[in-house]
Amino acid sequence: MAASLESDQPLTHALTPRDLAVLDFEREFTKHGGAKEEAIREVFGLSAARYYQVLNTVIDSPHALRHDPMLVKRLQRARDARVHTRASRTLTSSRQVDRANRPLPDETTD
């Protein structure tokens, strides 16, 4: 019989070996300095963009959350902060463009 999500047994078996390797990499890389993009290419053979797509899928998984809740929550918070910062920058940029496109008041009228 298949295990249900409500089971008391850990669900780490639902994570692929690559998922586990990504979580391990994120856990260990914060302890080391260096060029992360180079390490990603060496370890996983992926571009940084593709790696982060994989990472985002993994940290959205309930299996990953159950496997290592502290790490997954930290990675989710970091991602959410980056998204918020990016959205704020975009909003600020669009406001500046909007102001630049407004016509100047007509100075000839009294």
C-alpha atoms as a PDB file:
ATOM      1  CA  MET A   1       0.000   0.000   0.000  1.00  0.00           C
ATOM      2  CA  ALA A   2       1.323   3.499  -0.832  1.00  0.00           C
ATOM      3  CA  ALA A   3       2.205   5.877   1.997  1.00  0.00           C
ATOM      4  CA  SER A   4      -0.085   8.860   2.362  1.00  0.00           C
ATOM      5  CA  LEU A   5       0.973  12.415   3.139  1.00  0.00           C
ATOM      6  CA  GLU A   6      -0.650  12.073   6.568  1.00  0.00           C
ATOM      7  CA  SER A   7       1.691   9.197   7.467  1.00  0.00           C
ATOM      8  CA  ASP A   8       4.111   9.558  10.374  1.00  0.00           C
ATOM      9  CA  GLN A   9       6.920   8.140   8.239  1.00  0.00           C
ATOM     10  CA  PRO A  10       9.365  10.600   6.686  1.00  0.00           C
ATOM     11  CA  LEU A  11       8.769  11.320   3.020  1.00  0.00           C
ATOM     12  CA  THR A  12      12.370  11.869   1.984  1.00  0.00           C
ATOM     13  CA  HIS A  13      11.991   8.958  -0.443  1.00  0.00           C
ATOM     14  CA  ALA A  14       9.794  11.226  -2.571  1.00  0.00           C
ATOM     15  CA  LEU A  15      12.786  13.477  -3.242  1.00  0.00           C
ATOM     16  CA  THR A  16      14.982  12.463  -6.156  1.00  0.00           C
ATOM     17  CA  PRO A  17      18.723  12.039  -5.679  1.00  0.00           C
ATOM     18  CA  ARG A  18      19.193  15.324  -7.544  1.00  0.00           C
ATOM     19  CA  ASP A  19      16.720  17.080  -5.218  1.00  0.00           C
ATOM     20  CA  LEU A  20      18.660  15.821  -2.212  1.00  0.00           C
ATOM     21  CA  ALA A  21      21.946  16.883  -3.818  1.00  0.00           C
ATOM     22  CA  VAL A  22      20.558  20.391  -4.420  1.00  0.00           C
ATOM     23  CA  LEU A  23      19.492  20.683  -0.780  1.00  0.00           C
ATOM     24  CA  ASP A  24      22.869  19.380   0.395  1.00  0.00           C
ATOM     25  CA  PHE A  25      24.651  21.826  -1.902  1.00  0.00           C
ATOM     26  CA  GLU A  26      22.640  24.767  -0.541  1.00  0.00           C
ATOM     27  CA  ARG A  27      23.237  23.663   3.050  1.00  0.00           C
ATOM     28  CA  GLU A  28      26.999  23.308   2.549  1.00  0.00           C
ATOM     29  CA  PHE A  29      27.688  26.169   0.149  1.00  0.00           C
ATOM     30  CA  THR A  30      26.734  28.830   2.686  1.00  0.00           C
ATOM     31  CA  LYS A  31      29.643  27.611   4.818  1.00  0.00           C
ATOM     32  CA  HIS A  32      32.150  28.164   2.011  1.00  0.00           C
ATOM     33  CA  GLY A  33      33.096  31.203   0.027  1.00  0.00           C
ATOM     34  CA  GLY A  34      33.710  31.208  -3.663  1.00  0.00           C
ATOM     35  CA  ALA A  35      31.993  31.545  -6.954  1.00  0.00           C
ATOM     36  CA  LYS A  36      28.685  29.760  -6.608  1.00  0.00           C
ATOM     37  CA  GLU A  37      27.886  29.792 -10.328  1.00  0.00           C
ATOM     38  CA  GLU A  38      31.144  27.987 -11.096  1.00  0.00           C
ATOM     39  CA  ALA A  39      30.446  25.408  -8.390  1.00  0.00           C
ATOM     40  CA  ILE A  40      26.913  24.866  -9.761  1.00  0.00           C
ATOM     41  CA  ARG A  41      28.307  24.151 -13.218  1.00  0.00           C
ATOM     42  CA  GLU A  42      30.977  21.819 -11.826  1.00  0.00           C
ATOM     43  CA  VAL A  43      28.713  19.879  -9.459  1.00  0.00           C
ATOM     44  CA  PHE A  44      25.467  19.719 -11.442  1.00  0.00           C
ATOM     45  CA  GLY A  45      26.479  20.519 -15.003  1.00  0.00           C
ATOM     46  CA  LEU A  46      23.732  23.140 -15.172  1.00  0.00           C
ATOM     47  CA  SER A  47      23.659  26.826 -15.933  1.00  0.00           C
ATOM     48  CA  ALA A  48      22.925  29.002 -12.915  1.00  0.00           C
ATOM     49  CA  ALA A  49      19.513  29.909 -14.342  1.00  0.00           C
ATOM     50  CA  ARG A  50      18.510  26.265 -14.754  1.00  0.00           C
ATOM     51  CA  TYR A  51      19.868  25.381 -11.304  1.00  0.00           C
ATOM     52  CA  TYR A  52      17.729  28.067  -9.681  1.00  0.00           C
ATOM     53  CA  GLN A  53      14.662  26.790 -11.535  1.00  0.00           C
ATOM     54  CA  VAL A  54      15.360  23.349 -10.104  1.00  0.00           C
ATOM     55  CA  LEU A  55      16.032  24.783  -6.641  1.00  0.00           C
ATOM     56  CA  ASN A  56      12.748  26.725  -6.630  1.00  0.00           C
ATOM     57  CA  THR A  57      10.833  23.584  -7.575  1.00  0.00           C
ATOM     58  CA  VAL A  58      12.555  21.612  -4.829  1.00  0.00           C
ATOM     59  CA  ILE A  59      11.935  24.174  -2.066  1.00  0.00           C
ATOM     60  CA  ASP A  60       8.262  24.374  -3.013  1.00  0.00           C
ATOM     61  CA  SER A  61       7.942  20.634  -2.400  1.00  0.00           C
ATOM     62  CA  PRO A  62       6.287  19.474   0.835  1.00  0.00           C
ATOM     63  CA  HIS A  63       8.721  16.552   0.770  1.00  0.00           C
ATOM     64  CA  ALA A  64      11.685  18.935   0.925  1.00  0.00           C
ATOM     65  CA  LEU A  65      10.043  20.864   3.734  1.00  0.00           C
ATOM     66  CA  ARG A  66       9.618  17.680   5.705  1.00  0.00           C
ATOM     67  CA  HIS A  67      13.177  16.567   4.903  1.00  0.00           C
ATOM     68  CA  ASP A  68      14.893  19.754   6.145  1.00  0.00           C
ATOM     69  CA  PRO A  69      12.399  22.378   7.346  1.00  0.00           C
ATOM     70  CA  MET A  70      14.950  24.931   8.571  1.00  0.00           C
ATOM     71  CA  LEU A  71      16.933  24.931   5.338  1.00  0.00           C
ATOM     72  CA  VAL A  72      13.851  25.022   3.113  1.00  0.00           C
ATOM     73  CA  LYS A  73      12.246  27.866   5.088  1.00  0.00           C
ATOM     74  CA  ARG A  74      15.519  29.849   4.935  1.00  0.00           C
ATOM     75  CA  LEU A  75      15.740  29.348   1.176  1.00  0.00           C
ATOM     76  CA  GLN A  76      12.077  30.316   0.726  1.00  0.00           C
ATOM     77  CA  ARG A  77      12.578  33.503   2.783  1.00  0.00           C
ATOM     78  CA  ALA A  78      15.651  34.431   0.739  1.00  0.00           C
ATOM     79  CA  ARG A  79      13.749  33.858  -2.499  1.00  0.00           C
ATOM     80  CA  ASP A  80      10.757  35.869  -1.287  1.00  0.00           C
ATOM     81  CA  ALA A  81      13.028  38.755  -0.270  1.00  0.00           C
ATOM     82  CA  ARG A  82      14.646  38.779  -3.739  1.00  0.00           C
ATOM     83  CA  VAL A  83      11.237  38.742  -5.422  1.00  0.00           C
ATOM     84  CA  HIS A  84      10.039  41.599  -3.206  1.00  0.00           C
ATOM     85  CA  THR A  85      13.176  43.645  -3.922  1.00  0.00           C
ATOM     86  CA  ARG A  86      12.839  43.045  -7.653  1.00  0.00           C
ATOM     87  CA  ALA A  87       9.156  44.025  -7.587  1.00  0.00           C
ATOM     88  CA  SER A  88       9.938  47.227  -5.671  1.00  0.00           C
ATOM     89  CA  ARG A  89      12.629  48.145  -8.173  1.00  0.00           C
ATOM     90  CA  THR A  90      10.249  47.558 -11.073  1.00  0.00           C
ATOM     91  CA  LEU A  91       7.502  49.604  -9.447  1.00  0.00           C
ATOM     92  CA  THR A  92       9.903  52.484  -8.789  1.00  0.00           C
ATOM     93  CA  SER A  93      11.193  52.368 -12.369  1.00  0.00           C
ATOM     94  CA  SER A  94       7.685  52.444 -13.844  1.00  0.00           C
ATOM     95  CA  ARG A  95       6.762  55.442 -11.681  1.00  0.00           C
ATOM     96  CA  GLN A  96       9.824  57.327 -12.895  1.00  0.00           C
ATOM     97  CA  VAL A  97       8.939  56.584 -16.519  1.00  0.00           C
ATOM     98  CA  ASP A  98       5.356  57.705 -15.906  1.00  0.00           C
ATOM     99  CA  ARG A  99       6.556  61.040 -14.521  1.00  0.00           C
ATOM    100  CA  ALA A 100       8.928  61.501 -17.442  1.00  0.00           C
ATOM    101  CA  ASN A 101       6.099  61.056 -19.969  1.00  0.00           C
ATOM    102  CA  ARG A 102       3.716  63.569 -18.396  1.00  0.00           C
ATOM    103  CA  PRO A 103       3.314  66.805 -20.345  1.00  0.00           C
ATOM    104  CA  LEU A 104       4.687  69.949 -18.746  1.00  0.00           C
ATOM    105  CA  PRO A 105       2.103  72.476 -17.559  1.00  0.00           C
ATOM    106  CA  ASP A 106       1.322  75.187 -20.073  1.00  0.00           C
ATOM    107  CA  GLU A 107       3.236  78.241 -18.893  1.00  0.00           C
ATOM    108  CA  THR A 108       1.504  80.644 -21.293  1.00  0.00           C
ATOM    109  CA  THR A 109      -1.848  80.607 -19.525  1.00  0.00           C
ATOM    110  CA  ASP A 110      -2.583  83.050 -16.731  1.00  0.00           C
END
